[in-house]
Amino acid sequence: MRKSIFRASRAVNRLYSTIRHAEPAQTSPKPPSNPNKRNLEDLTPSDLCYYWDTKAPNTDQLAFADKIFIPSRHSPIKLWSASKFRTTPLSSIEPEVAFLGRSNVGKSSLLNAIMGQEICWTSSKPGRTREMNAFGIGGTKGGESKVVLLDMPGYGKASRAEWGMEIMKYLQGRKQLRRAFILIDSEHGIKQKDADILGLFRRYAIPHQIILSKIDKVITRTKKQAKTGVSDVGIQRLQCMLKDMKPVIQPDPYTSGGPGALGEILTCSADVSVGPGQALGVDAIRWSILSAAGIDGSLEGGRLARL
């Protein structure tokens, strides 16, 4: 009798288990714990960035950019390292973008977040990046990468004068370079070293763009607060900071000695997750990288069309 009851109980358990797994999963957007706030994952590029000469990317463009950067066997891959400009490969034809910033600003961590893989060396000590390191993105078996990202040695504390000389040689002489992205720490703003770099870029007409890092500390006061959502006050505080930065990075070309930065300021927090493999603000940066490389996401003849 006990065996019969036991077998019947197991059969009922299996039946309920089958029904439970057969039911379609009901998913819905996670509401913020505070109705007066918005979840980090719901914030758009228009909320986090400042566009005045360009348009903010739409949902389809962000999805396309994320797709290009999905890690695979052939992406990202390290292509080369060089300590001197004359040792950089001359035969490469892929469009390149370079990432610069003060030492220990979190540049390598951001690149890891952009590429979706821990491929750049990161350290709490400044000055660990001592070469120009190139990484290919969007490559396929037997095919070239769609765009190349360069992790450049930091400037300022723990940097070396000879690194700056070689970096400037690359920025001025590299035909494949499409844009230089300069990472600015939102906690410190534009320091004198940053202003000096921006002045050099204007003087030599090097195309460049600003990325503001660690903006979770601007839109929320603590990481604990960020978990409950972001208020309109936090978004407004960030937008005011970005608008105040505009005349500094894009001054009058007649008085500043050359063209300023691209007419959009991007923001990010490389260590704040807003989804699987996705850090805050990274999707908009990915789209800007592809835009700089001339990739618009449309297909013509089975190949990605250039802008």
Protein backbone atom coordinates (compact mmCIF):
# COMPACT_ATOMS: atom_id res chain seq x y z
CA MET A 1 0.00 0.00 0.00
CA ARG A 2 2.78 2.42 0.92
CA LYS A 3 4.61 1.62 -2.32
CA SER A 4 1.47 2.39 -4.33
CA ILE A 5 1.03 5.75 -2.58
CA PHE A 6 4.73 6.56 -3.12
CA ARG A 7 4.54 5.73 -6.84
CA ALA A 8 1.35 7.80 -7.22
CA SER A 9 3.00 10.75 -5.46
CA ARG A 10 6.02 10.62 -7.77
CA ALA A 11 3.73 10.49 -10.83
CA VAL A 12 1.83 13.56 -9.65
CA ASN A 13 5.12 15.42 -9.04
CA ARG A 14 6.32 14.57 -12.56
CA LEU A 15 3.00 15.75 -14.00
CA TYR A 16 3.16 19.12 -12.22
CA SER A 17 6.80 19.50 -13.22
CA THR A 18 5.91 18.88 -16.88
CA ILE A 19 3.07 21.40 -16.76
CA ARG A 20 5.24 23.99 -15.05
CA HIS A 21 8.03 23.74 -17.66
CA ALA A 22 5.54 23.67 -20.54
CA GLU A 23 4.00 27.00 -19.54
CA PRO A 24 5.53 29.92 -21.46
CA ALA A 25 7.63 32.24 -19.36
CA GLN A 26 5.85 35.48 -18.60
CA THR A 27 8.32 38.35 -18.78
CA SER A 28 7.61 42.01 -18.26
CA PRO A 29 9.75 45.08 -17.68
CA LYS A 30 10.99 45.25 -14.13
CA PRO A 31 9.30 48.22 -12.43
CA PRO A 32 11.52 50.50 -10.36
CA SER A 33 11.25 50.03 -6.62
CA ASN A 34 10.50 53.76 -6.39
CA PRO A 35 7.73 54.98 -8.76
CA ASN A 36 9.40 58.39 -8.98
CA LYS A 37 12.57 56.89 -10.45
CA ARG A 38 13.63 55.09 -13.62
CA ASN A 39 15.68 51.92 -13.87
CA LEU A 40 19.23 52.29 -15.21
CA GLU A 41 18.47 49.87 -18.05
CA ASP A 42 15.59 52.10 -19.20
CA LEU A 43 17.74 55.21 -19.67
CA THR A 44 18.32 56.20 -23.31
CA PRO A 45 21.32 57.89 -24.98
CA SER A 46 19.31 61.13 -24.93
CA ASP A 47 19.13 60.83 -21.13
CA LEU A 48 22.79 59.97 -20.61
CA CYS A 49 24.55 61.86 -23.42
CA TYR A 50 24.43 65.31 -24.96
CA TYR A 51 23.87 65.63 -28.72
CA TRP A 52 23.80 69.04 -30.42
CA ASP A 53 25.42 68.57 -33.85
CA THR A 54 24.49 64.90 -34.28
CA LYS A 55 21.44 62.71 -33.69
CA ALA A 56 21.09 60.25 -30.83
CA PRO A 57 21.09 56.62 -32.06
CA ASN A 58 17.73 54.87 -32.13
CA THR A 59 16.91 51.41 -30.76
CA ASP A 60 17.68 49.59 -34.02
CA GLN A 61 21.06 51.32 -34.37
CA LEU A 62 22.02 50.45 -30.78
CA ALA A 63 20.99 46.82 -31.34
CA PHE A 64 23.09 46.68 -34.52
CA ALA A 65 26.12 48.11 -32.73
CA ASP A 66 25.77 45.60 -29.89
CA LYS A 67 25.54 42.78 -32.44
CA ILE A 68 28.80 43.80 -34.13
CA PHE A 69 30.59 43.75 -30.78
CA ILE A 70 29.31 40.33 -29.65
CA PRO A 71 32.44 38.28 -28.79
CA SER A 72 33.23 35.33 -31.04
CA ARG A 73 36.22 33.19 -32.03
CA HIS A 74 37.36 35.98 -34.33
CA SER A 75 36.34 39.06 -32.32
CA PRO A 76 37.80 40.71 -30.38
CA ILE A 77 41.33 39.70 -31.24
CA LYS A 78 44.60 41.39 -30.44
CA LEU A 79 46.20 42.43 -33.71
CA TRP A 80 49.44 44.12 -32.71
CA SER A 81 51.34 46.13 -30.11
CA ALA A 82 53.79 48.93 -30.80
CA SER A 83 55.89 51.18 -28.60
CA LYS A 84 56.92 53.41 -31.50
CA PHE A 85 54.94 54.80 -34.40
CA ARG A 86 57.42 53.48 -36.97
CA THR A 87 56.74 49.91 -35.81
CA THR A 88 52.96 50.06 -36.41
CA PRO A 89 51.81 47.88 -39.34
CA LEU A 90 51.63 49.91 -42.53
CA SER A 91 49.74 47.28 -44.51
CA SER A 92 46.56 47.31 -42.39
CA ILE A 93 43.53 48.87 -44.10
CA GLU A 94 40.82 48.62 -41.44
CA PRO A 95 39.53 51.93 -39.99
CA GLU A 96 41.00 52.66 -36.55
CA VAL A 97 39.79 54.58 -33.50
CA ALA A 98 42.06 55.39 -30.56
CA PHE A 99 41.18 55.68 -26.87
CA LEU A 100 43.13 58.09 -24.70
CA GLY A 101 42.84 59.42 -21.17
CA ARG A 102 44.74 60.34 -18.03
CA SER A 103 46.56 57.49 -16.34
CA ASN A 104 44.21 55.35 -14.25
CA VAL A 105 41.06 56.98 -15.65
CA GLY A 106 39.59 53.52 -16.40
CA LYS A 107 40.31 53.43 -20.12
CA SER A 108 41.24 49.74 -20.30
CA SER A 109 38.19 48.80 -18.22
CA LEU A 110 35.96 50.72 -20.62
CA LEU A 111 37.52 49.00 -23.63
CA ASN A 112 36.88 45.62 -22.00
CA ALA A 113 33.23 46.61 -21.52
CA ILE A 114 32.97 47.81 -25.13
CA MET A 115 34.50 44.61 -26.52
CA GLY A 116 32.54 42.38 -24.13
CA GLN A 117 35.63 40.52 -23.03
CA GLU A 118 38.48 40.95 -20.53
CA ILE A 119 41.19 41.42 -23.13
CA CYS A 120 42.89 44.67 -22.02
CA TRP A 121 45.25 44.71 -19.06
CA THR A 122 43.68 46.55 -16.11
CA SER A 123 45.32 47.63 -12.86
CA SER A 124 44.68 49.91 -9.90
CA LYS A 125 48.17 51.32 -10.46
CA PRO A 126 48.51 54.07 -13.10
CA GLY A 127 50.72 53.71 -16.16
CA ARG A 128 50.27 49.98 -16.80
CA THR A 129 49.52 50.45 -20.50
CA ARG A 130 52.97 51.06 -21.99
CA GLU A 131 52.33 50.40 -25.67
CA MET A 132 49.76 51.08 -28.34
CA ASN A 133 47.64 47.92 -28.33
CA ALA A 134 45.31 47.24 -31.29
CA PHE A 135 42.21 45.02 -31.13
CA GLY A 136 40.14 43.90 -34.11
CA ILE A 137 36.32 43.92 -33.87
CA GLY A 138 33.71 42.17 -36.02
CA GLY A 139 36.06 39.84 -37.85
CA THR A 140 35.06 36.51 -39.39
CA LYS A 141 36.99 33.41 -40.36
CA GLY A 142 39.37 34.42 -43.12
CA GLY A 143 38.04 37.99 -43.10
CA GLU A 144 39.37 41.30 -41.89
CA SER A 145 38.06 43.14 -38.85
CA LYS A 146 35.42 45.80 -39.41
CA VAL A 147 37.07 48.29 -37.08
CA VAL A 148 40.22 48.41 -34.94
CA LEU A 149 40.30 49.82 -31.39
CA LEU A 150 43.55 51.13 -29.95
CA ASP A 151 44.30 51.27 -26.24
CA MET A 152 46.86 54.06 -25.88
CA PRO A 153 49.22 54.74 -22.94
CA GLY A 154 47.75 57.19 -20.44
CA TYR A 155 48.96 60.74 -20.07
CA GLY A 156 49.59 62.70 -16.88
CA LYS A 157 50.72 60.95 -13.70
CA ALA A 158 52.94 57.88 -14.29
CA SER A 159 53.20 58.66 -18.01
CA ARG A 160 56.41 59.28 -19.93
CA ALA A 161 57.29 62.09 -22.31
CA GLU A 162 58.42 59.67 -25.00
CA TRP A 163 55.01 57.96 -24.96
CA GLY A 164 53.36 61.30 -25.67
CA MET A 165 55.68 61.90 -28.61
CA GLU A 166 54.91 58.52 -30.15
CA ILE A 167 51.16 58.94 -29.58
CA MET A 168 51.19 62.31 -31.35
CA LYS A 169 53.15 60.79 -34.24
CA TYR A 170 50.42 58.17 -34.58
CA LEU A 171 47.53 60.63 -34.28
CA GLN A 172 49.05 62.97 -36.87
CA GLY A 173 50.44 60.41 -39.30
CA ARG A 174 48.15 57.38 -39.21
CA LYS A 175 46.01 57.35 -42.36
CA GLN A 176 43.68 54.68 -40.97
CA LEU A 177 42.72 56.80 -37.92
CA ARG A 178 39.09 57.94 -37.99
CA ARG A 179 38.64 59.39 -34.50
CA ALA A 180 40.29 59.69 -31.10
CA PHE A 181 38.08 59.17 -28.05
CA ILE A 182 39.22 61.03 -24.93
CA LEU A 183 38.01 59.65 -21.61
CA ILE A 184 37.35 62.27 -18.91
CA ASP A 185 36.68 61.38 -15.26
CA SER A 186 33.32 62.91 -14.27
CA GLU A 187 34.48 63.23 -10.65
CA HIS A 188 37.37 65.52 -11.63
CA GLY A 189 36.17 67.14 -14.85
CA ILE A 190 38.57 68.51 -17.47
CA LYS A 191 41.97 68.86 -15.77
CA GLN A 192 44.90 70.84 -17.16
CA LYS A 193 46.43 67.77 -18.85
CA ASP A 194 43.11 67.09 -20.57
CA ALA A 195 42.89 70.71 -21.70
CA ASP A 196 46.44 70.51 -23.07
CA ILE A 197 45.56 67.39 -25.11
CA LEU A 198 42.40 69.04 -26.44
CA GLY A 199 44.46 72.06 -27.46
CA LEU A 200 46.89 69.86 -29.39
CA PHE A 201 44.03 68.09 -31.14
CA ARG A 202 42.53 71.40 -32.25
CA ARG A 203 45.91 72.71 -33.39
CA TYR A 204 46.62 69.66 -35.56
CA ALA A 205 42.97 69.12 -36.62
CA ILE A 206 42.81 65.60 -35.17
CA PRO A 207 39.17 64.37 -35.13
CA HIS A 208 38.22 63.69 -31.51
CA GLN A 209 35.30 63.06 -29.20
CA ILE A 210 34.74 63.22 -25.42
CA ILE A 211 33.51 60.37 -23.22
CA LEU A 212 32.65 61.15 -19.61
CA SER A 213 33.29 58.19 -17.29
CA LYS A 214 31.85 57.11 -13.90
CA ILE A 215 28.60 58.98 -14.44
CA ASP A 216 26.75 56.72 -12.00
CA LYS A 217 28.31 58.97 -9.36
CA VAL A 218 26.65 61.97 -11.00
CA ILE A 219 23.14 60.66 -11.58
CA THR A 220 23.04 58.92 -8.19
CA ARG A 221 24.96 59.60 -5.01
CA THR A 222 25.70 55.94 -4.18
CA LYS A 223 25.55 52.56 -5.93
CA LYS A 224 22.90 51.53 -3.42
CA GLN A 225 20.69 54.37 -4.63
CA ALA A 226 21.27 53.34 -8.25
CA LYS A 227 19.64 49.97 -7.55
CA THR A 228 16.36 51.72 -6.74
CA GLY A 229 16.45 53.78 -9.95
CA VAL A 230 17.41 57.26 -11.13
CA SER A 231 15.40 60.40 -10.49
CA ASP A 232 14.79 63.24 -12.93
CA VAL A 233 16.97 65.40 -10.68
CA GLY A 234 19.95 63.07 -11.30
CA ILE A 235 19.43 63.19 -15.08
CA GLN A 236 19.15 66.99 -15.01
CA ARG A 237 22.34 67.22 -12.95
CA LEU A 238 24.19 65.20 -15.58
CA GLN A 239 22.77 67.24 -18.47
CA CYS A 240 23.83 70.49 -16.79
CA MET A 241 27.37 69.13 -16.40
CA LEU A 242 27.51 68.15 -20.07
CA LYS A 243 26.20 71.52 -21.27
CA ASP A 244 28.76 73.34 -19.12
CA MET A 245 31.47 71.25 -20.79
CA LYS A 246 30.39 72.11 -24.34
CA PRO A 247 32.14 75.51 -24.68
CA VAL A 248 35.34 74.00 -23.29
CA ILE A 249 35.57 71.12 -25.76
CA GLN A 250 34.10 72.99 -28.71
CA PRO A 251 35.25 76.62 -28.43
CA ASP A 252 35.16 79.22 -31.17
CA PRO A 253 37.49 77.82 -33.89
CA TYR A 254 38.65 81.36 -34.80
CA THR A 255 40.06 81.90 -31.30
CA SER A 256 40.98 78.34 -30.31
CA GLY A 257 43.31 77.58 -33.20
CA GLY A 258 41.35 74.78 -34.84
CA PRO A 259 38.20 72.64 -34.90
CA GLY A 260 36.82 71.40 -31.58
CA ALA A 261 35.52 68.00 -30.54
CA LEU A 262 32.64 66.22 -32.29
CA GLY A 263 29.29 67.78 -31.38
CA GLU A 264 28.21 65.10 -28.93
CA ILE A 265 29.41 64.09 -25.46
CA LEU A 266 29.02 60.44 -24.51
CA THR A 267 28.93 59.06 -20.98
CA CYS A 268 29.44 55.67 -19.36
CA SER A 269 30.06 53.67 -16.22
CA ALA A 270 32.09 50.63 -17.23
CA ASP A 271 31.54 48.78 -13.93
CA VAL A 272 27.75 49.35 -13.70
CA SER A 273 25.78 46.56 -15.35
CA VAL A 274 22.42 47.22 -17.03
CA GLY A 275 22.01 43.72 -18.44
CA PRO A 276 23.96 40.59 -19.40
CA GLY A 277 27.28 41.74 -20.87
CA GLN A 278 26.10 45.34 -21.00
CA ALA A 279 27.52 48.28 -19.04
CA LEU A 280 25.87 51.67 -18.62
CA GLY A 281 26.28 53.84 -21.74
CA VAL A 282 28.38 51.34 -23.69
CA ASP A 283 25.85 50.76 -26.49
CA ALA A 284 25.94 54.44 -27.50
CA ILE A 285 29.76 54.38 -27.52
CA ARG A 286 29.71 51.28 -29.73
CA TRP A 287 27.45 53.08 -32.20
CA SER A 288 29.73 56.13 -32.21
CA ILE A 289 32.73 53.90 -32.96
CA LEU A 290 30.94 52.37 -35.95
CA SER A 291 29.83 55.82 -37.12
CA ALA A 292 33.43 57.02 -36.98
CA ALA A 293 34.44 53.99 -39.07
CA GLY A 294 31.70 54.76 -41.61
CA ILE A 295 29.52 51.74 -40.86
CA ASP A 296 25.80 52.56 -40.83
CA GLY A 297 24.31 49.10 -40.33
CA SER A 298 22.59 48.64 -43.71
CA LEU A 299 23.34 45.74 -46.03
CA GLU A 300 24.26 46.08 -49.67
CA GLY A 301 25.24 42.99 -51.61
CA GLY A 302 25.70 41.03 -48.40
CA ARG A 303 28.30 43.45 -47.03
CA LEU A 304 28.01 46.20 -44.47
CA ALA A 305 27.48 49.53 -46.15
CA ARG A 306 29.74 52.46 -45.36
CA LEU A 307 28.38 55.89 -44.54
